Amino acid sequence: MSGRDATALAYFATGGDGCISMISNVAPDLCRAIFSSCKEGRLQSARYLQKRLEPLEACLSRECPAALKYALSLLGLMHPTTRLPLVELDEPAKAAVARAIAEMADEDLIVAAEA
């Protein structure tokens, strides 16, 4: 199993079967589409989807776990409140996560995931 979202595509493309993933909590269907595309030999499609998820992966890995909690809160799945020793994201980090979520939700990305 891959332990990092950033290396998951390469791992899948070389025959790997799983990933311990933060981003799959936010975008499970897209992560599944990347995995399926690799298994079906559609590496160009997998690369396209992975590239589109990079801004979100960067946000999540830079400010984890507060960024993951905030991303899930934007999707209505949890409250972004943290307890010490964790602290909530500052406003620029929140804006970066929100932008990454918006980019991920582009209609052409959704169509590619369904293909």
PDB file of N, CA and C in Angstrom:
ATOM      1  N   MET A   1       0.835  -1.191   0.000  1.00  0.00           N
ATOM      2  CA  MET A   1       0.000   0.000   0.000  1.00  0.00           C
ATOM      3  C   MET A   1       0.871   1.243   0.000  1.00  0.00           C
ATOM      4  N   SER A   2       0.408   2.219  -0.752  1.00  0.00           N
ATOM      5  CA  SER A   2       1.063   3.520  -0.716  1.00  0.00           C
ATOM      6  C   SER A   2       0.576   4.260   0.522  1.00  0.00           C
ATOM      7  N   GLY A   3       1.422   5.042   1.127  1.00  0.00           N
ATOM      8  CA  GLY A   3       1.047   5.789   2.314  1.00  0.00           C
ATOM      9  C   GLY A   3       0.931   7.275   2.064  1.00  0.00           C
ATOM     10  N   ARG A   4       1.044   7.691   0.805  1.00  0.00           N
ATOM     11  CA  ARG A   4       0.981   9.117   0.482  1.00  0.00           C
ATOM     12  C   ARG A   4       0.147   9.328  -0.762  1.00  0.00           C
ATOM     13  N   ASP A   5      -0.731  10.309  -0.708  1.00  0.00           N
ATOM     14  CA  ASP A   5      -1.556  10.635  -1.872  1.00  0.00           C
ATOM     15  C   ASP A   5      -0.706  11.046  -3.068  1.00  0.00           C
ATOM     16  N   ALA A   6       0.388  11.758  -2.810  1.00  0.00           N
ATOM     17  CA  ALA A   6       1.235  12.259  -3.890  1.00  0.00           C
ATOM     18  C   ALA A   6       1.900  11.143  -4.692  1.00  0.00           C
ATOM     19  N   THR A   7       2.086   9.973  -4.091  1.00  0.00           N
ATOM     20  CA  THR A   7       2.750   8.872  -4.793  1.00  0.00           C
ATOM     21  C   THR A   7       1.789   7.753  -5.199  1.00  0.00           C
ATOM     22  N   ALA A   8       0.523   7.916  -4.897  1.00  0.00           N
ATOM     23  CA  ALA A   8      -0.451   6.849  -5.158  1.00  0.00           C
ATOM     24  C   ALA A   8      -0.560   6.501  -6.639  1.00  0.00           C
ATOM     25  N   LEU A   9      -0.604   7.485  -7.517  1.00  0.00           N
ATOM     26  CA  LEU A   9      -0.752   7.205  -8.941  1.00  0.00           C
ATOM     27  C   LEU A   9       0.405   6.356  -9.453  1.00  0.00           C
ATOM     28  N   ALA A  10       1.626   6.723  -9.119  1.00  0.00           N
ATOM     29  CA  ALA A  10       2.787   5.934  -9.568  1.00  0.00           C
ATOM     30  C   ALA A  10       2.720   4.518  -9.016  1.00  0.00           C
ATOM     31  N   TYR A  11       2.297   4.398  -7.779  1.00  0.00           N
ATOM     32  CA  TYR A  11       2.172   3.087  -7.159  1.00  0.00           C
ATOM     33  C   TYR A  11       1.125   2.237  -7.877  1.00  0.00           C
ATOM     34  N   PHE A  12      -0.038   2.820  -8.153  1.00  0.00           N
ATOM     35  CA  PHE A  12      -1.102   2.091  -8.868  1.00  0.00           C
ATOM     36  C   PHE A  12      -0.652   1.722 -10.281  1.00  0.00           C
ATOM     37  N   ALA A  13       0.021   2.662 -10.958  1.00  0.00           N
ATOM     38  CA  ALA A  13       0.440   2.427 -12.344  1.00  0.00           C
ATOM     39  C   ALA A  13       1.449   1.291 -12.448  1.00  0.00           C
ATOM     40  N   THR A  14       2.154   1.011 -11.359  1.00  0.00           N
ATOM     41  CA  THR A  14       3.132  -0.087 -11.382  1.00  0.00           C
ATOM     42  C   THR A  14       2.598  -1.349 -10.722  1.00  0.00           C
ATOM     43  N   GLY A  15       1.265  -1.399 -10.532  1.00  0.00           N
ATOM     44  CA  GLY A  15       0.650  -2.615 -10.037  1.00  0.00           C
ATOM     45  C   GLY A  15       0.218  -2.612  -8.586  1.00  0.00           C
ATOM     46  N   GLY A  16       0.389  -1.511  -7.883  1.00  0.00           N
ATOM     47  CA  GLY A  16      -0.022  -1.440  -6.486  1.00  0.00           C
ATOM     48  C   GLY A  16      -1.526  -1.543  -6.321  1.00  0.00           C
ATOM     49  N   ASP A  17      -1.943  -1.956  -5.149  1.00  0.00           N
ATOM     50  CA  ASP A  17      -3.361  -2.225  -4.934  1.00  0.00           C
ATOM     51  C   ASP A  17      -4.061  -1.373  -3.888  1.00  0.00           C
ATOM     52  N   GLY A  18      -3.399  -0.415  -3.262  1.00  0.00           N
ATOM     53  CA  GLY A  18      -4.101   0.367  -2.257  1.00  0.00           C
ATOM     54  C   GLY A  18      -3.317   1.569  -1.799  1.00  0.00           C
ATOM     55  N   CYS A  19      -4.015   2.433  -1.075  1.00  0.00           N
ATOM     56  CA  CYS A  19      -3.395   3.652  -0.577  1.00  0.00           C
ATOM     57  C   CYS A  19      -4.056   4.061   0.736  1.00  0.00           C
ATOM     58  N   ILE A  20      -3.249   4.406   1.709  1.00  0.00           N
ATOM     59  CA  ILE A  20      -3.750   5.029   2.926  1.00  0.00           C
ATOM     60  C   ILE A  20      -3.785   6.508   2.596  1.00  0.00           C
ATOM     61  N   SER A  21      -4.982   7.053   2.440  1.00  0.00           N
ATOM     62  CA  SER A  21      -5.157   8.333   1.784  1.00  0.00           C
ATOM     63  C   SER A  21      -5.964   9.337   2.597  1.00  0.00           C
ATOM     64  N   MET A  22      -5.474  10.576   2.656  1.00  0.00           N
ATOM     65  CA  MET A  22      -6.262  11.662   3.245  1.00  0.00           C
ATOM     66  C   MET A  22      -7.283  12.158   2.240  1.00  0.00           C
ATOM     67  N   ILE A  23      -6.845  12.336   1.007  1.00  0.00           N
ATOM     68  CA  ILE A  23      -7.688  12.957  -0.001  1.00  0.00           C
ATOM     69  C   ILE A  23      -8.917  12.112  -0.330  1.00  0.00           C
ATOM     70  N   SER A  24      -8.828  10.812  -0.122  1.00  0.00           N
ATOM     71  CA  SER A  24      -9.985   9.960  -0.414  1.00  0.00           C
ATOM     72  C   SER A  24     -11.140  10.217   0.548  1.00  0.00           C
ATOM     73  N   ASN A  25     -10.854  10.836   1.687  1.00  0.00           N
ATOM     74  CA  ASN A  25     -11.929  11.230   2.592  1.00  0.00           C
ATOM     75  C   ASN A  25     -12.750  12.372   2.013  1.00  0.00           C
ATOM     76  N   VAL A  26     -12.118  13.202   1.198  1.00  0.00           N
ATOM     77  CA  VAL A  26     -12.769  14.367   0.602  1.00  0.00           C
ATOM     78  C   VAL A  26     -13.314  14.028  -0.789  1.00  0.00           C
ATOM     79  N   ALA A  27     -12.595  13.226  -1.544  1.00  0.00           N
ATOM     80  CA  ALA A  27     -12.961  12.920  -2.925  1.00  0.00           C
ATOM     81  C   ALA A  27     -12.886  11.417  -3.198  1.00  0.00           C
ATOM     82  N   PRO A  28     -13.714  10.620  -2.521  1.00  0.00           N
ATOM     83  CA  PRO A  28     -13.602   9.164  -2.696  1.00  0.00           C
ATOM     84  C   PRO A  28     -13.886   8.697  -4.119  1.00  0.00           C
ATOM     85  N   ASP A  29     -14.847   9.304  -4.795  1.00  0.00           N
ATOM     86  CA  ASP A  29     -15.161   8.864  -6.151  1.00  0.00           C
ATOM     87  C   ASP A  29     -14.020   9.142  -7.123  1.00  0.00           C
ATOM     88  N   LEU A  30     -13.378  10.288  -6.967  1.00  0.00           N
ATOM     89  CA  LEU A  30     -12.257  10.611  -7.848  1.00  0.00           C
ATOM     90  C   LEU A  30     -11.063   9.717  -7.570  1.00  0.00           C
ATOM     91  N   CYS A  31     -10.815   9.425  -6.317  1.00  0.00           N
ATOM     92  CA  CYS A  31      -9.719   8.506  -5.985  1.00  0.00           C
ATOM     93  C   CYS A  31      -9.994   7.115  -6.536  1.00  0.00           C
ATOM     94  N   ARG A  32     -11.224   6.692  -6.444  1.00  0.00           N
ATOM     95  CA  ARG A  32     -11.609   5.391  -7.016  1.00  0.00           C
ATOM     96  C   ARG A  32     -11.437   5.406  -8.530  1.00  0.00           C
ATOM     97  N   ALA A  33     -11.772   6.541  -9.173  1.00  0.00           N
ATOM     98  CA  ALA A  33     -11.617   6.652 -10.624  1.00  0.00           C
ATOM     99  C   ALA A  33     -10.150   6.595 -11.031  1.00  0.00           C
ATOM    100  N   ILE A  34      -9.276   7.196 -10.237  1.00  0.00           N
ATOM    101  CA  ILE A  34      -7.838   7.119 -10.522  1.00  0.00           C
ATOM    102  C   ILE A  34      -7.371   5.673 -10.432  1.00  0.00           C
ATOM    103  N   PHE A  35      -7.752   4.983  -9.367  1.00  0.00           N
ATOM    104  CA  PHE A  35      -7.372   3.583  -9.181  1.00  0.00           C
ATOM    105  C   PHE A  35      -7.904   2.726 -10.336  1.00  0.00           C
ATOM    106  N   SER A  36      -9.188   2.884 -10.657  1.00  0.00           N
ATOM    107  CA  SER A  36      -9.787   2.090 -11.738  1.00  0.00           C
ATOM    108  C   SER A  36      -9.134   2.386 -13.077  1.00  0.00           C
ATOM    109  N   SER A  37      -8.851   3.648 -13.345  1.00  0.00           N
ATOM    110  CA  SER A  37      -8.204   4.009 -14.606  1.00  0.00           C
ATOM    111  C   SER A  37      -6.850   3.336 -14.740  1.00  0.00           C
ATOM    112  N   CYS A  38      -6.090   3.300 -13.656  1.00  0.00           N
ATOM    113  CA  CYS A  38      -4.791   2.621 -13.688  1.00  0.00           C
ATOM    114  C   CYS A  38      -4.962   1.136 -13.952  1.00  0.00           C
ATOM    115  N   LYS A  39      -5.890   0.519 -13.261  1.00  0.00           N
ATOM    116  CA  LYS A  39      -6.107  -0.922 -13.414  1.00  0.00           C
ATOM    117  C   LYS A  39      -6.582  -1.278 -14.824  1.00  0.00           C
ATOM    118  N   GLU A  40      -7.275  -0.333 -15.474  1.00  0.00           N
ATOM    119  CA  GLU A  40      -7.782  -0.567 -16.830  1.00  0.00           C
ATOM    120  C   GLU A  40      -6.800  -0.092 -17.903  1.00  0.00           C
ATOM    121  N   GLY A  41      -5.629   0.382 -17.480  1.00  0.00           N
ATOM    122  CA  GLY A  41      -4.627   0.827 -18.436  1.00  0.00           C
ATOM    123  C   GLY A  41      -4.875   2.205 -19.018  1.00  0.00           C
ATOM    124  N   ARG A  42      -5.776   2.961 -18.433  1.00  0.00           N
ATOM    125  CA  ARG A  42      -6.079   4.315 -18.918  1.00  0.00           C
ATOM    126  C   ARG A  42      -5.264   5.327 -18.106  1.00  0.00           C
ATOM    127  N   LEU A  43      -3.959   5.289 -18.308  1.00  0.00           N
ATOM    128  CA  LEU A  43      -3.057   6.113 -17.503  1.00  0.00           C
ATOM    129  C   LEU A  43      -3.217   7.604 -17.777  1.00  0.00           C
ATOM    130  N   GLN A  44      -3.552   7.968 -19.001  1.00  0.00           N
ATOM    131  CA  GLN A  44      -3.750   9.391 -19.307  1.00  0.00           C
ATOM    132  C   GLN A  44      -4.922   9.945 -18.498  1.00  0.00           C
ATOM    133  N   SER A  45      -5.985   9.211 -18.412  1.00  0.00           N
ATOM    134  CA  SER A  45      -7.131   9.632 -17.609  1.00  0.00           C
ATOM    135  C   SER A  45      -6.760   9.713 -16.132  1.00  0.00           C
ATOM    136  N   ALA A  46      -6.031   8.730 -15.646  1.00  0.00           N
ATOM    137  CA  ALA A  46      -5.596   8.721 -14.247  1.00  0.00           C
ATOM    138  C   ALA A  46      -4.699   9.919 -13.947  1.00  0.00           C
ATOM    139  N   ARG A  47      -3.770  10.222 -14.867  1.00  0.00           N
ATOM    140  CA  ARG A  47      -2.885  11.374 -14.674  1.00  0.00           C
ATOM    141  C   ARG A  47      -3.666  12.678 -14.644  1.00  0.00           C
ATOM    142  N   TYR A  48      -4.647  12.791 -15.527  1.00  0.00           N
ATOM    143  CA  TYR A  48      -5.476  13.998 -15.571  1.00  0.00           C
ATOM    144  C   TYR A  48      -6.186  14.205 -14.227  1.00  0.00           C
ATOM    145  N   LEU A  49      -6.811  13.161 -13.717  1.00  0.00           N
ATOM    146  CA  LEU A  49      -7.520  13.271 -12.439  1.00  0.00           C
ATOM    147  C   LEU A  49      -6.562  13.576 -11.300  1.00  0.00           C
ATOM    148  N   GLN A  50      -5.422  12.912 -11.277  1.00  0.00           N
ATOM    149  CA  GLN A  50      -4.434  13.145 -10.220  1.00  0.00           C
ATOM    150  C   GLN A  50      -3.938  14.584 -10.260  1.00  0.00           C
ATOM    151  N   LYS A  51      -3.678  15.088 -11.447  1.00  0.00           N
ATOM    152  CA  LYS A  51      -3.200  16.467 -11.592  1.00  0.00           C
ATOM    153  C   LYS A  51      -4.224  17.456 -11.040  1.00  0.00           C
ATOM    154  N   ARG A  52      -5.481  17.189 -11.271  1.00  0.00           N
ATOM    155  CA  ARG A  52      -6.539  18.078 -10.791  1.00  0.00           C
ATOM    156  C   ARG A  52      -6.682  18.032  -9.274  1.00  0.00           C
ATOM    157  N   LEU A  53      -6.268  16.949  -8.648  1.00  0.00           N
ATOM    158  CA  LEU A  53      -6.356  16.829  -7.193  1.00  0.00           C
ATOM    159  C   LEU A  53      -5.112  17.377  -6.476  1.00  0.00           C
ATOM    160  N   GLU A  54      -4.067  17.708  -7.214  1.00  0.00           N
ATOM    161  CA  GLU A  54      -2.823  18.169  -6.588  1.00  0.00           C
ATOM    162  C   GLU A  54      -2.981  19.383  -5.681  1.00  0.00           C
ATOM    163  N   PRO A  55      -3.755  20.425  -6.067  1.00  0.00           N
ATOM    164  CA  PRO A  55      -3.892  21.566  -5.142  1.00  0.00           C
ATOM    165  C   PRO A  55      -4.508  21.159  -3.797  1.00  0.00           C
ATOM    166  N   LEU A  56      -5.488  20.288  -3.825  1.00  0.00           N
ATOM    167  CA  LEU A  56      -6.101  19.828  -2.587  1.00  0.00           C
ATOM    168  C   LEU A  56      -5.127  18.977  -1.784  1.00  0.00           C
ATOM    169  N   GLU A  57      -4.398  18.109  -2.453  1.00  0.00           N
ATOM    170  CA  GLU A  57      -3.415  17.265  -1.757  1.00  0.00           C
ATOM    171  C   GLU A  57      -2.359  18.128  -1.084  1.00  0.00           C
ATOM    172  N   ALA A  58      -1.927  19.190  -1.756  1.00  0.00           N
ATOM    173  CA  ALA A  58      -0.920  20.087  -1.178  1.00  0.00           C
ATOM    174  C   ALA A  58      -1.455  20.768   0.076  1.00  0.00           C
ATOM    175  N   CYS A  59      -2.695  21.240   0.029  1.00  0.00           N
ATOM    176  CA  CYS A  59      -3.314  21.877   1.200  1.00  0.00           C
ATOM    177  C   CYS A  59      -3.437  20.902   2.363  1.00  0.00           C
ATOM    178  N   LEU A  60      -3.900  19.705   2.064  1.00  0.00           N
ATOM    179  CA  LEU A  60      -4.114  18.724   3.121  1.00  0.00           C
ATOM    180  C   LEU A  60      -2.803  18.297   3.762  1.00  0.00           C
ATOM    181  N   SER A  61      -1.775  18.096   2.975  1.00  0.00           N
ATOM    182  CA  SER A  61      -0.513  17.630   3.546  1.00  0.00           C
ATOM    183  C   SER A  61       0.212  18.738   4.295  1.00  0.00           C
ATOM    184  N   ARG A  62      -0.001  19.980   3.900  1.00  0.00           N
ATOM    185  CA  ARG A  62       0.693  21.100   4.543  1.00  0.00           C
ATOM    186  C   ARG A  62       0.117  21.419   5.922  1.00  0.00           C
ATOM    187  N   GLU A  63      -1.180  21.269   6.099  1.00  0.00           N
ATOM    188  CA  GLU A  63      -1.850  21.707   7.332  1.00  0.00           C
ATOM    189  C   GLU A  63      -2.670  20.586   7.977  1.00  0.00           C
ATOM    190  N   CYS A  64      -2.195  19.363   7.876  1.00  0.00           N
ATOM    191  CA  CYS A  64      -2.955  18.223   8.394  1.00  0.00           C
ATOM    192  C   CYS A  64      -2.878  18.154   9.914  1.00  0.00           C
ATOM    193  N   PRO A  65      -3.912  17.774  10.590  1.00  0.00           N
ATOM    194  CA  PRO A  65      -5.246  17.359  10.160  1.00  0.00           C
ATOM    195  C   PRO A  65      -6.265  18.488  10.115  1.00  0.00           C
ATOM    196  N   ALA A  66      -5.882  19.700  10.489  1.00  0.00           N
ATOM    197  CA  ALA A  66      -6.846  20.806  10.492  1.00  0.00           C
ATOM    198  C   ALA A  66      -7.400  21.079   9.096  1.00  0.00           C
ATOM    199  N   ALA A  67      -6.567  20.968   8.068  1.00  0.00           N
ATOM    200  CA  ALA A  67      -7.035  21.203   6.697  1.00  0.00           C
ATOM    201  C   ALA A  67      -8.029  20.134   6.265  1.00  0.00           C
ATOM    202  N   LEU A  68      -7.778  18.902   6.660  1.00  0.00           N
ATOM    203  CA  LEU A  68      -8.712  17.822   6.330  1.00  0.00           C
ATOM    204  C   LEU A  68     -10.055  18.059   7.016  1.00  0.00           C
ATOM    205  N   LYS A  69     -10.028  18.437   8.279  1.00  0.00           N
ATOM    206  CA  LYS A  69     -11.269  18.739   8.998  1.00  0.00           C
ATOM    207  C   LYS A  69     -12.008  19.894   8.328  1.00  0.00           C
ATOM    208  N   TYR A  70     -11.269  20.922   7.923  1.00  0.00           N
ATOM    209  CA  TYR A  70     -11.912  22.065   7.287  1.00  0.00           C
ATOM    210  C   TYR A  70     -12.514  21.670   5.933  1.00  0.00           C
ATOM    211  N   ALA A  71     -11.780  20.894   5.139  1.00  0.00           N
ATOM    212  CA  ALA A  71     -12.299  20.436   3.839  1.00  0.00           C
ATOM    213  C   ALA A  71     -13.576  19.626   4.028  1.00  0.00           C
ATOM    214  N   LEU A  72     -13.577  18.724   4.993  1.00  0.00           N
ATOM    215  CA  LEU A  72     -14.777  17.925   5.256  1.00  0.00           C
ATOM    216  C   LEU A  72     -15.919  18.789   5.760  1.00  0.00           C
ATOM    217  N   SER A  73     -15.608  19.860   6.481  1.00  0.00           N
ATOM    218  CA  SER A  73     -16.669  20.756   6.946  1.00  0.00           C
ATOM    219  C   SER A  73     -17.288  21.517   5.775  1.00  0.00           C
ATOM    220  N   LEU A  74     -16.483  21.869   4.765  1.00  0.00           N
ATOM    221  CA  LEU A  74     -17.021  22.540   3.584  1.00  0.00           C
ATOM    222  C   LEU A  74     -18.007  21.642   2.843  1.00  0.00           C
ATOM    223  N   LEU A  75     -17.803  20.345   2.956  1.00  0.00           N
ATOM    224  CA  LEU A  75     -18.711  19.382   2.321  1.00  0.00           C
ATOM    225  C   LEU A  75     -19.878  19.012   3.228  1.00  0.00           C
ATOM    226  N   GLY A  76     -19.937  19.615   4.408  1.00  0.00           N
ATOM    227  CA  GLY A  76     -21.028  19.360   5.344  1.00  0.00           C
ATOM    228  C   GLY A  76     -20.906  18.049   6.093  1.00  0.00           C
ATOM    229  N   LEU A  77     -19.712  17.494   6.171  1.00  0.00           N
ATOM    230  CA  LEU A  77     -19.533  16.189   6.797  1.00  0.00           C
ATOM    231  C   LEU A  77     -19.081  16.250   8.250  1.00  0.00           C
ATOM    232  N   MET A  78     -18.582  17.400   8.684  1.00  0.00           N
ATOM    233  CA  MET A  78     -18.156  17.543  10.078  1.00  0.00           C
ATOM    234  C   MET A  78     -17.965  19.016  10.399  1.00  0.00           C
ATOM    235  N   HIS A  79     -17.744  19.303  11.655  1.00  0.00           N
ATOM    236  CA  HIS A  79     -17.487  20.659  12.108  1.00  0.00           C
ATOM    237  C   HIS A  79     -15.975  20.883  12.106  1.00  0.00           C
ATOM    238  N   PRO A  80     -15.503  22.077  11.721  1.00  0.00           N
ATOM    239  CA  PRO A  80     -14.055  22.301  11.615  1.00  0.00           C
ATOM    240  C   PRO A  80     -13.349  22.595  12.941  1.00  0.00           C
ATOM    241  N   THR A  81     -14.071  22.589  14.041  1.00  0.00           N
ATOM    242  CA  THR A  81     -13.474  22.918  15.327  1.00  0.00           C
ATOM    243  C   THR A  81     -12.365  21.935  15.684  1.00  0.00           C
ATOM    244  N   THR A  82     -11.287  22.476  16.227  1.00  0.00           N
ATOM    245  CA  THR A  82     -10.167  21.645  16.679  1.00  0.00           C
ATOM    246  C   THR A  82      -9.972  21.844  18.177  1.00  0.00           C
ATOM    247  N   ARG A  83      -9.246  20.928  18.771  1.00  0.00           N
ATOM    248  CA  ARG A  83      -8.864  21.038  20.189  1.00  0.00           C
ATOM    249  C   ARG A  83      -7.353  21.077  20.266  1.00  0.00           C
ATOM    250  N   LEU A  84      -6.857  21.733  21.295  1.00  0.00           N
ATOM    251  CA  LEU A  84      -5.413  21.770  21.500  1.00  0.00           C
ATOM    252  C   LEU A  84      -4.880  20.349  21.659  1.00  0.00           C
ATOM    253  N   PRO A  85      -3.769  20.043  21.106  1.00  0.00           N
ATOM    254  CA  PRO A  85      -2.737  20.927  20.594  1.00  0.00           C
ATOM    255  C   PRO A  85      -2.955  21.373  19.152  1.00  0.00           C
ATOM    256  N   LEU A  86      -4.021  20.928  18.490  1.00  0.00           N
ATOM    257  CA  LEU A  86      -4.311  21.381  17.131  1.00  0.00           C
ATOM    258  C   LEU A  86      -4.934  22.762  17.183  1.00  0.00           C
ATOM    259  N   VAL A  87      -4.708  23.528  16.138  1.00  0.00           N
ATOM    260  CA  VAL A  87      -5.334  24.840  16.023  1.00  0.00           C
ATOM    261  C   VAL A  87      -6.046  24.909  14.674  1.00  0.00           C
ATOM    262  N   GLU A  88      -7.078  25.754  14.617  1.00  0.00           N
ATOM    263  CA  GLU A  88      -7.809  25.921  13.362  1.00  0.00           C
ATOM    264  C   GLU A  88      -6.928  26.609  12.333  1.00  0.00           C
ATOM    265  N   LEU A  89      -7.299  26.431  11.083  1.00  0.00           N
ATOM    266  CA  LEU A  89      -6.563  27.070   9.995  1.00  0.00           C
ATOM    267  C   LEU A  89      -6.732  28.577  10.053  1.00  0.00           C
ATOM    268  N   ASP A  90      -5.706  29.290   9.588  1.00  0.00           N
ATOM    269  CA  ASP A  90      -5.854  30.738   9.457  1.00  0.00           C
ATOM    270  C   ASP A  90      -6.646  31.023   8.170  1.00  0.00           C
ATOM    271  N   GLU A  91      -7.039  32.261   7.982  1.00  0.00           N
ATOM    272  CA  GLU A  91      -7.898  32.617   6.841  1.00  0.00           C
ATOM    273  C   GLU A  91      -7.271  32.314   5.477  1.00  0.00           C
ATOM    274  N   PRO A  92      -5.978  32.608   5.250  1.00  0.00           N
ATOM    275  CA  PRO A  92      -5.392  32.244   3.948  1.00  0.00           C
ATOM    276  C   PRO A  92      -5.416  30.733   3.685  1.00  0.00           C
ATOM    277  N   ALA A  93      -5.170  29.940   4.703  1.00  0.00           N
ATOM    278  CA  ALA A  93      -5.198  28.480   4.530  1.00  0.00           C
ATOM    279  C   ALA A  93      -6.624  28.008   4.245  1.00  0.00           C
ATOM    280  N   LYS A  94      -7.614  28.592   4.920  1.00  0.00           N
ATOM    281  CA  LYS A  94      -9.015  28.248   4.648  1.00  0.00           C
ATOM    282  C   LYS A  94      -9.375  28.581   3.209  1.00  0.00           C
ATOM    283  N   ALA A  95      -8.931  29.752   2.737  1.00  0.00           N
ATOM    284  CA  ALA A  95      -9.209  30.153   1.359  1.00  0.00           C
ATOM    285  C   ALA A  95      -8.561  29.186   0.367  1.00  0.00           C
ATOM    286  N   ALA A  96      -7.345  28.731   0.660  1.00  0.00           N
ATOM    287  CA  ALA A  96      -6.657  27.786  -0.231  1.00  0.00           C
ATOM    288  C   ALA A  96      -7.397  26.457  -0.300  1.00  0.00           C
ATOM    289  N   VAL A  97      -7.880  25.972   0.844  1.00  0.00           N
ATOM    290  CA  VAL A  97      -8.647  24.720   0.860  1.00  0.00           C
ATOM    291  C   VAL A  97      -9.944  24.896   0.081  1.00  0.00           C
ATOM    292  N   ALA A  98     -10.630  26.001   0.301  1.00  0.00           N
ATOM    293  CA  ALA A  98     -11.895  26.254  -0.406  1.00  0.00           C
ATOM    294  C   ALA A  98     -11.667  26.336  -1.919  1.00  0.00           C
ATOM    295  N   ARG A  99     -10.578  26.996  -2.350  1.00  0.00           N
ATOM    296  CA  ARG A  99     -10.249  27.072  -3.775  1.00  0.00           C
ATOM    297  C   ARG A  99      -9.975  25.690  -4.349  1.00  0.00           C
ATOM    298  N   ALA A 100      -9.225  24.887  -3.612  1.00  0.00           N
ATOM    299  CA  ALA A 100      -8.899  23.537  -4.079  1.00  0.00           C
ATOM    300  C   ALA A 100     -10.154  22.676  -4.207  1.00  0.00           C
ATOM    301  N   ILE A 101     -11.077  22.820  -3.258  1.00  0.00           N
ATOM    302  CA  ILE A 101     -12.346  22.080  -3.336  1.00  0.00           C
ATOM    303  C   ILE A 101     -13.139  22.534  -4.559  1.00  0.00           C
ATOM    304  N   ALA A 102     -13.174  23.842  -4.810  1.00  0.00           N
ATOM    305  CA  ALA A 102     -13.905  24.371  -5.964  1.00  0.00           C
ATOM    306  C   ALA A 102     -13.305  23.872  -7.269  1.00  0.00           C
ATOM    307  N   GLU A 103     -11.975  23.850  -7.357  1.00  0.00           N
ATOM    308  CA  GLU A 103     -11.320  23.340  -8.559  1.00  0.00           C
ATOM    309  C   GLU A 103     -11.637  21.861  -8.767  1.00  0.00           C
ATOM    310  N   MET A 104     -11.671  21.125  -7.685  1.00  0.00           N
ATOM    311  CA  MET A 104     -11.957  19.700  -7.763  1.00  0.00           C
ATOM    312  C   MET A 104     -13.367  19.453  -8.288  1.00  0.00           C
ATOM    313  N   ALA A 105     -14.271  20.377  -8.028  1.00  0.00           N
ATOM    314  CA  ALA A 105     -15.671  20.195  -8.385  1.00  0.00           C
ATOM    315  C   ALA A 105     -16.009  20.703  -9.782  1.00  0.00           C
ATOM    316  N   ASP A 106     -15.012  21.133 -10.552  1.00  0.00           N
ATOM    317  CA  ASP A 106     -15.280  21.583 -11.916  1.00  0.00           C
ATOM    318  C   ASP A 106     -16.039  20.510 -12.681  1.00  0.00           C
ATOM    319  N   GLU A 107     -16.976  20.947 -13.500  1.00  0.00           N
ATOM    320  CA  GLU A 107     -17.817  19.992 -14.223  1.00  0.00           C
ATOM    321  C   GLU A 107     -17.007  19.076 -15.126  1.00  0.00           C
ATOM    322  N   ASP A 108     -15.961  19.591 -15.787  1.00  0.00           N
ATOM    323  CA  ASP A 108     -15.185  18.720 -16.674  1.00  0.00           C
ATOM    324  C   ASP A 108     -14.451  17.644 -15.889  1.00  0.00           C
ATOM    325  N   LEU A 109     -14.114  17.922 -14.629  1.00  0.00           N
ATOM    326  CA  LEU A 109     -13.480  16.900 -13.786  1.00  0.00           C
ATOM    327  C   LEU A 109     -14.480  15.804 -13.460  1.00  0.00           C
ATOM    328  N   ILE A 110     -15.711  16.188 -13.163  1.00  0.00           N
ATOM    329  CA  ILE A 110     -16.744  15.213 -12.839  1.00  0.00           C
ATOM    330  C   ILE A 110     -17.033  14.331 -14.047  1.00  0.00           C
ATOM    331  N   VAL A 111     -17.096  14.918 -15.241  1.00  0.00           N
ATOM    332  CA  VAL A 111     -17.328  14.141 -16.456  1.00  0.00           C
ATOM    333  C   VAL A 111     -16.178  13.162 -16.683  1.00  0.00           C
ATOM    334  N   ALA A 112     -14.941  13.614 -16.486  1.00  0.00           N
ATOM    335  CA  ALA A 112     -13.790  12.721 -16.680  1.00  0.00           C
ATOM    336  C   ALA A 112     -13.807  11.566 -15.699  1.00  0.00           C
ATOM    337  N   ALA A 113     -14.260  11.809 -14.482  1.00  0.00           N
ATOM    338  CA  ALA A 113     -14.302  10.755 -13.474  1.00  0.00           C
ATOM    339  C   ALA A 113     -15.328   9.696 -13.835  1.00  0.00           C
ATOM    340  N   GLU A 114     -16.383  10.090 -14.516  1.00  0.00           N
ATOM    341  CA  GLU A 114     -17.435   9.145 -14.887  1.00  0.00           C
ATOM    342  C   GLU A 114     -17.062   8.322 -16.110  1.00  0.00           C
ATOM    343  N   ALA A 115     -16.100   8.812 -16.895  1.00  0.00           N
ATOM    344  CA  ALA A 115     -15.709   8.116 -18.138  1.00  0.00           C
ATOM    345  C   ALA A 115     -14.988   6.825 -17.873  1.00  0.00           C
TER     346      ALA A 115
END
